[in-house]
Amino acid sequence: GRFTISRHNGANTVYLQMNDLKPEDTAVYYCNSVAMVIG
């Protein structure tokens, strides 16, 4: 209800829109990608 994730530009770009931020949201945020290679 506060954050929204989306992919753009041929799915090689991802965004995280963060609204109504709270102090407990404080952190280092890391982007992650996963590709399946032979399972």
PDB file of all heavy atoms in Angstrom:
ATOM      1  N   GLY A   1       0.789  -1.213   0.000  1.00  0.00           N
ATOM      2  CA  GLY A   1       0.000   0.000   0.000  1.00  0.00           C
ATOM      3  C   GLY A   1       0.822   1.263   0.000  1.00  0.00           C
ATOM      4  O   GLY A   1       0.276   2.351  -0.211  1.00  0.00           O
ATOM      5  N   ARG A   2       2.134   1.144   0.239  1.00  0.00           N
ATOM      6  CA  ARG A   2       3.007   2.312   0.277  1.00  0.00           C
ATOM      7  C   ARG A   2       4.055   2.298  -0.834  1.00  0.00           C
ATOM      8  O   ARG A   2       4.409   3.351  -1.362  1.00  0.00           O
ATOM      9  CB  ARG A   2       3.719   2.411   1.629  1.00  0.00           C
ATOM     10  CG  ARG A   2       2.770   2.550   2.820  1.00  0.00           C
ATOM     11  CD  ARG A   2       3.538   2.846   4.109  1.00  0.00           C
ATOM     12  NE  ARG A   2       4.438   1.746   4.474  1.00  0.00           N
ATOM     13  CZ  ARG A   2       5.761   1.873   4.582  1.00  0.00           C
ATOM     14  NH1 ARG A   2       6.343   3.043   4.369  1.00  0.00           N
ATOM     15  NH2 ARG A   2       6.503   0.825   4.933  1.00  0.00           N
ATOM     16  N   PHE A   3       4.554   1.116  -1.179  1.00  0.00           N
ATOM     17  CA  PHE A   3       5.602   0.986  -2.189  1.00  0.00           C
ATOM     18  C   PHE A   3       5.040   0.366  -3.459  1.00  0.00           C
ATOM     19  O   PHE A   3       4.134  -0.476  -3.412  1.00  0.00           O
ATOM     20  CB  PHE A   3       6.735   0.093  -1.686  1.00  0.00           C
ATOM     21  CG  PHE A   3       7.559   0.665  -0.559  1.00  0.00           C
ATOM     22  CD1 PHE A   3       7.180   1.816   0.108  1.00  0.00           C
ATOM     23  CD2 PHE A   3       8.726   0.029  -0.170  1.00  0.00           C
ATOM     24  CE1 PHE A   3       7.938   2.335   1.143  1.00  0.00           C
ATOM     25  CE2 PHE A   3       9.499   0.535   0.862  1.00  0.00           C
ATOM     26  CZ  PHE A   3       9.106   1.685   1.521  1.00  0.00           C
ATOM     27  N   THR A   4       5.607   0.742  -4.599  1.00  0.00           N
ATOM     28  CA  THR A   4       5.227   0.177  -5.887  1.00  0.00           C
ATOM     29  C   THR A   4       6.474  -0.131  -6.696  1.00  0.00           C
ATOM     30  O   THR A   4       7.331   0.736  -6.868  1.00  0.00           O
ATOM     31  CB  THR A   4       4.327   1.131  -6.685  1.00  0.00           C
ATOM     32  OG1 THR A   4       3.163   1.458  -5.927  1.00  0.00           O
ATOM     33  CG2 THR A   4       3.900   0.482  -7.998  1.00  0.00           C
ATOM     34  N   ILE A   5       6.580  -1.366  -7.188  1.00  0.00           N
ATOM     35  CA  ILE A   5       7.705  -1.764  -8.016  1.00  0.00           C
ATOM     36  C   ILE A   5       7.245  -1.868  -9.468  1.00  0.00           C
ATOM     37  O   ILE A   5       6.116  -2.275  -9.747  1.00  0.00           O
ATOM     38  CB  ILE A   5       8.312  -3.102  -7.537  1.00  0.00           C
ATOM     39  CG1 ILE A   5       9.624  -3.396  -8.269  1.00  0.00           C
ATOM     40  CG2 ILE A   5       7.324  -4.249  -7.696  1.00  0.00           C
ATOM     41  CD1 ILE A   5      10.390  -4.587  -7.697  1.00  0.00           C
ATOM     42  N   SER A   6       8.121  -1.499 -10.398  1.00  0.00           N
ATOM     43  CA  SER A   6       7.789  -1.573 -11.814  1.00  0.00           C
ATOM     44  C   SER A   6       9.056  -1.786 -12.632  1.00  0.00           C
ATOM     45  O   SER A   6      10.155  -1.438 -12.203  1.00  0.00           O
ATOM     46  CB  SER A   6       7.061  -0.312 -12.280  1.00  0.00           C
ATOM     47  OG  SER A   6       7.858   0.843 -12.076  1.00  0.00           O
ATOM     48  N   ARG A   7       8.887  -2.364 -13.840  1.00  0.00           N
ATOM     49  CA  ARG A   7       9.992  -2.595 -14.761  1.00  0.00           C
ATOM     50  C   ARG A   7       9.728  -1.844 -16.058  1.00  0.00           C
ATOM     51  O   ARG A   7       8.595  -1.804 -16.544  1.00  0.00           O
ATOM     52  CB  ARG A   7      10.177  -4.085 -15.044  1.00  0.00           C
ATOM     53  CG  ARG A   7      10.672  -4.894 -13.868  1.00  0.00           C
ATOM     54  CD  ARG A   7      10.720  -6.379 -14.181  1.00  0.00           C
ATOM     55  NE  ARG A   7      11.833  -6.717 -15.069  1.00  0.00           N
ATOM     56  CZ  ARG A   7      12.152  -7.964 -15.413  1.00  0.00           C
ATOM     57  NH1 ARG A   7      11.438  -8.981 -14.942  1.00  0.00           N
ATOM     58  NH2 ARG A   7      13.174  -8.189 -16.229  1.00  0.00           N
ATOM     59  N   HIS A   8      10.786  -1.271 -16.626  1.00  0.00           N
ATOM     60  CA  HIS A   8      10.679  -0.486 -17.847  1.00  0.00           C
ATOM     61  C   HIS A   8      11.916  -0.689 -18.716  1.00  0.00           C
ATOM     62  O   HIS A   8      12.859  -1.369 -18.338  1.00  0.00           O
ATOM     63  CB  HIS A   8      10.523   0.999 -17.515  1.00  0.00           C
ATOM     64  CG  HIS A   8       9.328   1.316 -16.680  1.00  0.00           C
ATOM     65  ND1 HIS A   8       8.067   1.436 -17.213  1.00  0.00           N
ATOM     66  CD2 HIS A   8       9.201   1.524 -15.348  1.00  0.00           C
ATOM     67  CE1 HIS A   8       7.211   1.710 -16.246  1.00  0.00           C
ATOM     68  NE2 HIS A   8       7.882   1.768 -15.109  1.00  0.00           N
ATOM     69  N   ASN A   9      11.881  -0.078 -19.899  1.00  0.00           N
ATOM     70  CA  ASN A   9      13.019  -0.088 -20.821  1.00  0.00           C
ATOM     71  C   ASN A   9      13.496  -1.492 -21.137  1.00  0.00           C
ATOM     72  O   ASN A   9      14.645  -1.854 -20.884  1.00  0.00           O
ATOM     73  CB  ASN A   9      14.167   0.766 -20.278  1.00  0.00           C
ATOM     74  CG  ASN A   9      13.788   2.212 -20.084  1.00  0.00           C
ATOM     75  OD1 ASN A   9      12.972   2.746 -20.826  1.00  0.00           O
ATOM     76  ND2 ASN A   9      14.384   2.849 -19.081  1.00  0.00           N
ATOM     77  N   GLY A  10      12.593  -2.291 -21.714  1.00  0.00           N
ATOM     78  CA  GLY A  10      12.942  -3.649 -22.078  1.00  0.00           C
ATOM     79  C   GLY A  10      13.197  -4.533 -20.867  1.00  0.00           C
ATOM     80  O   GLY A  10      13.929  -5.508 -20.956  1.00  0.00           O
ATOM     81  N   ALA A  11      12.598  -4.166 -19.742  1.00  0.00           N
ATOM     82  CA  ALA A  11      12.687  -4.926 -18.494  1.00  0.00           C
ATOM     83  C   ALA A  11      14.089  -4.932 -17.893  1.00  0.00           C
ATOM     84  O   ALA A  11      14.373  -5.738 -17.010  1.00  0.00           O
ATOM     85  CB  ALA A  11      12.187  -6.360 -18.683  1.00  0.00           C
ATOM     86  N   ASN A  12      14.960  -4.038 -18.343  1.00  0.00           N
ATOM     87  CA  ASN A  12      16.295  -3.957 -17.759  1.00  0.00           C
ATOM     88  C   ASN A  12      16.412  -2.842 -16.722  1.00  0.00           C
ATOM     89  O   ASN A  12      17.508  -2.601 -16.202  1.00  0.00           O
ATOM     90  CB  ASN A  12      17.351  -3.773 -18.847  1.00  0.00           C
ATOM     91  CG  ASN A  12      17.308  -2.396 -19.489  1.00  0.00           C
ATOM     92  OD1 ASN A  12      16.271  -1.733 -19.519  1.00  0.00           O
ATOM     93  ND2 ASN A  12      18.444  -1.956 -20.019  1.00  0.00           N
ATOM     94  N   THR A  13      15.325  -2.172 -16.443  1.00  0.00           N
ATOM     95  CA  THR A  13      15.294  -1.126 -15.439  1.00  0.00           C
ATOM     96  C   THR A  13      14.139  -1.393 -14.483  1.00  0.00           C
ATOM     97  O   THR A  13      13.036  -1.704 -14.920  1.00  0.00           O
ATOM     98  CB  THR A  13      15.122   0.264 -16.067  1.00  0.00           C
ATOM     99  OG1 THR A  13      16.181   0.509 -16.997  1.00  0.00           O
ATOM    100  CG2 THR A  13      15.131   1.345 -14.999  1.00  0.00           C
ATOM    101  N   VAL A  14      14.401  -1.280 -13.209  1.00  0.00           N
ATOM    102  CA  VAL A  14      13.365  -1.483 -12.212  1.00  0.00           C
ATOM    103  C   VAL A  14      13.333  -0.283 -11.281  1.00  0.00           C
ATOM    104  O   VAL A  14      14.373   0.263 -10.913  1.00  0.00           O
ATOM    105  CB  VAL A  14      13.582  -2.797 -11.423  1.00  0.00           C
ATOM    106  CG1 VAL A  14      14.885  -2.764 -10.634  1.00  0.00           C
ATOM    107  CG2 VAL A  14      12.397  -3.080 -10.507  1.00  0.00           C
ATOM    108  N   TYR A  15      12.127   0.122 -10.915  1.00  0.00           N
ATOM    109  CA  TYR A  15      11.927   1.247 -10.024  1.00  0.00           C
ATOM    110  C   TYR A  15      11.210   0.791  -8.763  1.00  0.00           C
ATOM    111  O   TYR A  15      10.449  -0.174  -8.769  1.00  0.00           O
ATOM    112  CB  TYR A  15      11.086   2.341 -10.687  1.00  0.00           C
ATOM    113  CG  TYR A  15      11.670   2.894 -11.963  1.00  0.00           C
ATOM    114  CD1 TYR A  15      11.249   2.420 -13.203  1.00  0.00           C
ATOM    115  CD2 TYR A  15      12.632   3.895 -11.932  1.00  0.00           C
ATOM    116  CE1 TYR A  15      11.774   2.927 -14.379  1.00  0.00           C
ATOM    117  CE2 TYR A  15      13.163   4.405 -13.100  1.00  0.00           C
ATOM    118  CZ  TYR A  15      12.734   3.921 -14.319  1.00  0.00           C
ATOM    119  OH  TYR A  15      13.262   4.434 -15.478  1.00  0.00           O
ATOM    120  N   LEU A  16      11.447   1.505  -7.702  1.00  0.00           N
ATOM    121  CA  LEU A  16      10.701   1.308  -6.474  1.00  0.00           C
ATOM    122  C   LEU A  16      10.219   2.669  -6.003  1.00  0.00           C
ATOM    123  O   LEU A  16      11.010   3.482  -5.523  1.00  0.00           O
ATOM    124  CB  LEU A  16      11.550   0.639  -5.391  1.00  0.00           C
ATOM    125  CG  LEU A  16      10.809   0.307  -4.096  1.00  0.00           C
ATOM    126  CD1 LEU A  16       9.770  -0.787  -4.340  1.00  0.00           C
ATOM    127  CD2 LEU A  16      11.783  -0.124  -3.004  1.00  0.00           C
ATOM    128  N   GLN A  17       8.934   2.923  -6.185  1.00  0.00           N
ATOM    129  CA  GLN A  17       8.324   4.150  -5.695  1.00  0.00           C
ATOM    130  C   GLN A  17       7.929   3.936  -4.246  1.00  0.00           C
ATOM    131  O   GLN A  17       7.144   3.044  -3.936  1.00  0.00           O
ATOM    132  CB  GLN A  17       7.096   4.514  -6.535  1.00  0.00           C
ATOM    133  CG  GLN A  17       6.375   5.770  -6.076  1.00  0.00           C
ATOM    134  CD  GLN A  17       7.201   7.023  -6.250  1.00  0.00           C
ATOM    135  OE1 GLN A  17       7.809   7.213  -7.300  1.00  0.00           O
ATOM    136  NE2 GLN A  17       7.248   7.868  -5.236  1.00  0.00           N
ATOM    137  N   MET A  18       8.474   4.747  -3.363  1.00  0.00           N
ATOM    138  CA  MET A  18       8.241   4.603  -1.933  1.00  0.00           C
ATOM    139  C   MET A  18       7.512   5.834  -1.422  1.00  0.00           C
ATOM    140  O   MET A  18       8.049   6.942  -1.449  1.00  0.00           O
ATOM    141  CB  MET A  18       9.564   4.415  -1.185  1.00  0.00           C
ATOM    142  CG  MET A  18      10.403   3.253  -1.699  1.00  0.00           C
ATOM    143  SD  MET A  18      11.898   2.970  -0.703  1.00  0.00           S
ATOM    144  CE  MET A  18      12.803   4.482  -1.064  1.00  0.00           C
ATOM    145  N   ASN A  19       6.284   5.627  -0.970  1.00  0.00           N
ATOM    146  CA  ASN A  19       5.470   6.703  -0.431  1.00  0.00           C
ATOM    147  C   ASN A  19       5.205   6.471   1.050  1.00  0.00           C
ATOM    148  O   ASN A  19       5.317   5.352   1.546  1.00  0.00           O
ATOM    149  CB  ASN A  19       4.146   6.796  -1.184  1.00  0.00           C
ATOM    150  CG  ASN A  19       4.308   7.128  -2.647  1.00  0.00           C
ATOM    151  OD1 ASN A  19       5.196   7.884  -3.030  1.00  0.00           O
ATOM    152  ND2 ASN A  19       3.436   6.565  -3.478  1.00  0.00           N
ATOM    153  N   ASP A  20       4.823   7.534   1.734  1.00  0.00           N
ATOM    154  CA  ASP A  20       4.521   7.464   3.160  1.00  0.00           C
ATOM    155  C   ASP A  20       5.634   6.739   3.916  1.00  0.00           C
ATOM    156  O   ASP A  20       5.389   5.804   4.680  1.00  0.00           O
ATOM    157  CB  ASP A  20       3.180   6.771   3.381  1.00  0.00           C
ATOM    158  CG  ASP A  20       2.679   6.903   4.809  1.00  0.00           C
ATOM    159  OD1 ASP A  20       3.085   7.849   5.507  1.00  0.00           O
ATOM    160  OD2 ASP A  20       1.862   6.051   5.227  1.00  0.00           O
ATOM    161  N   LEU A  21       6.841   7.192   3.706  1.00  0.00           N
ATOM    162  CA  LEU A  21       7.986   6.540   4.325  1.00  0.00           C
ATOM    163  C   LEU A  21       7.966   6.676   5.838  1.00  0.00           C
ATOM    164  O   LEU A  21       7.532   7.696   6.384  1.00  0.00           O
ATOM    165  CB  LEU A  21       9.279   7.116   3.761  1.00  0.00           C
ATOM    166  CG  LEU A  21       9.638   6.608   2.361  1.00  0.00           C
ATOM    167  CD1 LEU A  21      10.630   7.541   1.684  1.00  0.00           C
ATOM    168  CD2 LEU A  21      10.199   5.192   2.445  1.00  0.00           C
ATOM    169  N   LYS A  22       8.443   5.635   6.492  1.00  0.00           N
ATOM    170  CA  LYS A  22       8.494   5.574   7.942  1.00  0.00           C
ATOM    171  C   LYS A  22       9.934   5.382   8.398  1.00  0.00           C
ATOM    172  O   LYS A  22      10.759   4.861   7.649  1.00  0.00           O
ATOM    173  CB  LYS A  22       7.630   4.418   8.451  1.00  0.00           C
ATOM    174  CG  LYS A  22       6.181   4.476   8.008  1.00  0.00           C
ATOM    175  CD  LYS A  22       5.410   3.244   8.464  1.00  0.00           C
ATOM    176  CE  LYS A  22       3.961   3.308   8.025  1.00  0.00           C
ATOM    177  NZ  LYS A  22       3.197   2.106   8.458  1.00  0.00           N
ATOM    178  N   PRO A  23      10.252   5.778   9.635  1.00  0.00           N
ATOM    179  CA  PRO A  23      11.617   5.583  10.129  1.00  0.00           C
ATOM    180  C   PRO A  23      12.095   4.138  10.027  1.00  0.00           C
ATOM    181  O   PRO A  23      13.282   3.902   9.779  1.00  0.00           O
ATOM    182  CB  PRO A  23      11.538   6.046  11.589  1.00  0.00           C
ATOM    183  CG  PRO A  23      10.462   7.075  11.580  1.00  0.00           C
ATOM    184  CD  PRO A  23       9.438   6.556  10.601  1.00  0.00           C
ATOM    185  N   GLU A  24      11.206   3.184  10.195  1.00  0.00           N
ATOM    186  CA  GLU A  24      11.587   1.780  10.097  1.00  0.00           C
ATOM    187  C   GLU A  24      11.928   1.346   8.678  1.00  0.00           C
ATOM    188  O   GLU A  24      12.392   0.221   8.470  1.00  0.00           O
ATOM    189  CB  GLU A  24      10.496   0.867  10.678  1.00  0.00           C
ATOM    190  CG  GLU A  24       9.111   1.114  10.105  1.00  0.00           C
ATOM    191  CD  GLU A  24       8.261   2.009  10.987  1.00  0.00           C
ATOM    192  OE1 GLU A  24       8.794   2.997  11.530  1.00  0.00           O
ATOM    193  OE2 GLU A  24       7.050   1.715  11.142  1.00  0.00           O
ATOM    194  N   ASP A  25      11.700   2.210   7.699  1.00  0.00           N
ATOM    195  CA  ASP A  25      12.115   1.934   6.331  1.00  0.00           C
ATOM    196  C   ASP A  25      13.592   2.246   6.116  1.00  0.00           C
ATOM    197  O   ASP A  25      14.141   1.923   5.060  1.00  0.00           O
ATOM    198  CB  ASP A  25      11.281   2.735   5.331  1.00  0.00           C
ATOM    199  CG  ASP A  25       9.819   2.325   5.320  1.00  0.00           C
ATOM    200  OD1 ASP A  25       9.533   1.120   5.390  1.00  0.00           O
ATOM    201  OD2 ASP A  25       8.964   3.233   5.229  1.00  0.00           O
ATOM    202  N   THR A  26      14.224   2.885   7.071  1.00  0.00           N
ATOM    203  CA  THR A  26      15.631   3.233   6.959  1.00  0.00           C
ATOM    204  C   THR A  26      16.475   1.976   6.787  1.00  0.00           C
ATOM    205  O   THR A  26      16.407   1.054   7.604  1.00  0.00           O
ATOM    206  CB  THR A  26      16.093   4.017   8.187  1.00  0.00           C
ATOM    207  OG1 THR A  26      15.407   5.265   8.250  1.00  0.00           O
ATOM    208  CG2 THR A  26      17.593   4.284   8.134  1.00  0.00           C
ATOM    209  N   ALA A  27      17.278   1.939   5.724  1.00  0.00           N
ATOM    210  CA  ALA A  27      18.098   0.769   5.424  1.00  0.00           C
ATOM    211  C   ALA A  27      18.922   1.057   4.181  1.00  0.00           C
ATOM    212  O   ALA A  27      18.715   2.062   3.494  1.00  0.00           O
ATOM    213  CB  ALA A  27      17.225  -0.461   5.193  1.00  0.00           C
ATOM    214  N   VAL A  28      19.842   0.157   3.892  1.00  0.00           N
ATOM    215  CA  VAL A  28      20.487   0.141   2.594  1.00  0.00           C
ATOM    216  C   VAL A  28      19.641  -0.732   1.685  1.00  0.00           C
ATOM    217  O   VAL A  28      19.346  -1.879   2.018  1.00  0.00           O
ATOM    218  CB  VAL A  28      21.927  -0.402   2.661  1.00  0.00           C
ATOM    219  CG1 VAL A  28      22.531  -0.480   1.266  1.00  0.00           C
ATOM    220  CG2 VAL A  28      22.785   0.480   3.562  1.00  0.00           C
ATOM    221  N   TYR A  29      19.245  -0.187   0.564  1.00  0.00           N
ATOM    222  CA  TYR A  29      18.398  -0.898  -0.383  1.00  0.00           C
ATOM    223  C   TYR A  29      19.243  -1.429  -1.529  1.00  0.00           C
ATOM    224  O   TYR A  29      20.018  -0.688  -2.141  1.00  0.00           O
ATOM    225  CB  TYR A  29      17.300   0.020  -0.913  1.00  0.00           C
ATOM    226  CG  TYR A  29      16.187   0.249   0.083  1.00  0.00           C
ATOM    227  CD1 TYR A  29      16.407   1.002   1.230  1.00  0.00           C
ATOM    228  CD2 TYR A  29      14.923  -0.305  -0.109  1.00  0.00           C
ATOM    229  CE1 TYR A  29      15.406   1.196   2.170  1.00  0.00           C
ATOM    230  CE2 TYR A  29      13.915  -0.113   0.812  1.00  0.00           C
ATOM    231  CZ  TYR A  29      14.155   0.637   1.950  1.00  0.00           C
ATOM    232  OH  TYR A  29      13.141   0.826   2.867  1.00  0.00           O
ATOM    233  N   TYR A  30      19.074  -2.714  -1.823  1.00  0.00           N
ATOM    234  CA  TYR A  30      19.851  -3.388  -2.850  1.00  0.00           C
ATOM    235  C   TYR A  30      18.958  -3.872  -3.978  1.00  0.00           C
ATOM    236  O   TYR A  30      17.929  -4.503  -3.736  1.00  0.00           O
ATOM    237  CB  TYR A  30      20.588  -4.599  -2.277  1.00  0.00           C
ATOM    238  CG  TYR A  30      21.627  -4.262  -1.230  1.00  0.00           C
ATOM    239  CD1 TYR A  30      21.298  -4.242   0.117  1.00  0.00           C
ATOM    240  CD2 TYR A  30      22.936  -3.976  -1.598  1.00  0.00           C
ATOM    241  CE1 TYR A  30      22.244  -3.938   1.074  1.00  0.00           C
ATOM    242  CE2 TYR A  30      23.890  -3.675  -0.645  1.00  0.00           C
ATOM    243  CZ  TYR A  30      23.538  -3.656   0.695  1.00  0.00           C
ATOM    244  OH  TYR A  30      24.486  -3.360   1.648  1.00  0.00           O
ATOM    245  N   CYS A  31      19.367  -3.608  -5.193  1.00  0.00           N
ATOM    246  CA  CYS A  31      18.690  -4.139  -6.367  1.00  0.00           C
ATOM    247  C   CYS A  31      19.168  -5.558  -6.630  1.00  0.00           C
ATOM    248  O   CYS A  31      20.347  -5.881  -6.424  1.00  0.00           O
ATOM    249  CB  CYS A  31      18.977  -3.247  -7.575  1.00  0.00           C
ATOM    250  SG  CYS A  31      18.161  -3.755  -9.096  1.00  0.00           S
ATOM    251  N   ASN A  32      18.269  -6.397  -7.083  1.00  0.00           N
ATOM    252  CA  ASN A  32      18.555  -7.799  -7.323  1.00  0.00           C
ATOM    253  C   ASN A  32      17.969  -8.236  -8.654  1.00  0.00           C
ATOM    254  O   ASN A  32      16.884  -7.795  -9.032  1.00  0.00           O
ATOM    255  CB  ASN A  32      17.968  -8.638  -6.175  1.00  0.00           C
ATOM    256  CG  ASN A  32      17.775 -10.100  -6.525  1.00  0.00           C
ATOM    257  OD1 ASN A  32      16.727 -10.490  -7.042  1.00  0.00           O
ATOM    258  ND2 ASN A  32      18.780 -10.908  -6.227  1.00  0.00           N
ATOM    259  N   SER A  33      18.681  -9.093  -9.366  1.00  0.00           N
ATOM    260  CA  SER A  33      18.157  -9.699 -10.578  1.00  0.00           C
ATOM    261  C   SER A  33      18.431 -11.189 -10.554  1.00  0.00           C
ATOM    262  O   SER A  33      19.443 -11.633 -10.006  1.00  0.00           O
ATOM    263  CB  SER A  33      18.760  -9.068 -11.831  1.00  0.00           C
ATOM    264  OG  SER A  33      20.120  -9.440 -11.994  1.00  0.00           O
ATOM    265  N   VAL A  34      17.535 -11.950 -11.156  1.00  0.00           N
ATOM    266  CA  VAL A  34      17.677 -13.399 -11.225  1.00  0.00           C
ATOM    267  C   VAL A  34      17.400 -13.866 -12.643  1.00  0.00           C
ATOM    268  O   VAL A  34      16.367 -13.529 -13.216  1.00  0.00           O
ATOM    269  CB  VAL A  34      16.725 -14.115 -10.252  1.00  0.00           C
ATOM    270  CG1 VAL A  34      16.889 -15.626 -10.374  1.00  0.00           C
ATOM    271  CG2 VAL A  34      16.972 -13.670  -8.825  1.00  0.00           C
ATOM    272  N   ALA A  35      18.325 -14.631 -13.189  1.00  0.00           N
ATOM    273  CA  ALA A  35      18.152 -15.255 -14.490  1.00  0.00           C
ATOM    274  C   ALA A  35      18.298 -16.762 -14.330  1.00  0.00           C
ATOM    275  O   ALA A  35      19.189 -17.233 -13.626  1.00  0.00           O
ATOM    276  CB  ALA A  35      19.174 -14.733 -15.489  1.00  0.00           C
ATOM    277  N   MET A  36      17.428 -17.513 -14.978  1.00  0.00           N
ATOM    278  CA  MET A  36      17.499 -18.970 -14.911  1.00  0.00           C
ATOM    279  C   MET A  36      18.401 -19.492 -16.015  1.00  0.00           C
ATOM    280  O   MET A  36      18.188 -19.201 -17.192  1.00  0.00           O
ATOM    281  CB  MET A  36      16.104 -19.579 -15.038  1.00  0.00           C
ATOM    282  CG  MET A  36      15.161 -19.214 -13.891  1.00  0.00           C
ATOM    283  SD  MET A  36      15.760 -19.784 -12.280  1.00  0.00           S
ATOM    284  CE  MET A  36      15.729 -21.562 -12.504  1.00  0.00           C
ATOM    285  N   VAL A  37      19.410 -20.261 -15.653  1.00  0.00           N
ATOM    286  CA  VAL A  37      20.343 -20.859 -16.592  1.00  0.00           C
ATOM    287  C   VAL A  37      20.362 -22.357 -16.352  1.00  0.00           C
ATOM    288  O   VAL A  37      20.898 -22.836 -15.350  1.00  0.00           O
ATOM    289  CB  VAL A  37      21.762 -20.275 -16.452  1.00  0.00           C
ATOM    290  CG1 VAL A  37      22.678 -20.894 -17.488  1.00  0.00           C
ATOM    291  CG2 VAL A  37      21.721 -18.761 -16.587  1.00  0.00           C
ATOM    292  N   ILE A  38      19.766 -23.105 -17.277  1.00  0.00           N
ATOM    293  CA  ILE A  38      19.635 -24.562 -17.167  1.00  0.00           C
ATOM    294  C   ILE A  38      19.033 -24.927 -15.806  1.00  0.00           C
ATOM    295  O   ILE A  38      19.524 -25.798 -15.090  1.00  0.00           O
ATOM    296  CB  ILE A  38      20.984 -25.281 -17.385  1.00  0.00           C
ATOM    297  CG1 ILE A  38      21.756 -24.678 -18.557  1.00  0.00           C
ATOM    298  CG2 ILE A  38      20.746 -26.768 -17.656  1.00  0.00           C
ATOM    299  CD1 ILE A  38      23.099 -25.300 -18.803  1.00  0.00           C
ATOM    300  N   GLY A  39      17.984 -24.231 -15.469  1.00  0.00           N
ATOM    301  CA  GLY A  39      17.270 -24.522 -14.246  1.00  0.00           C
ATOM    302  C   GLY A  39      17.919 -24.004 -12.982  1.00  0.00           C
ATOM    303  O   GLY A  39      17.381 -24.227 -11.886  1.00  0.00           O
TER     304      GLY A  39
END
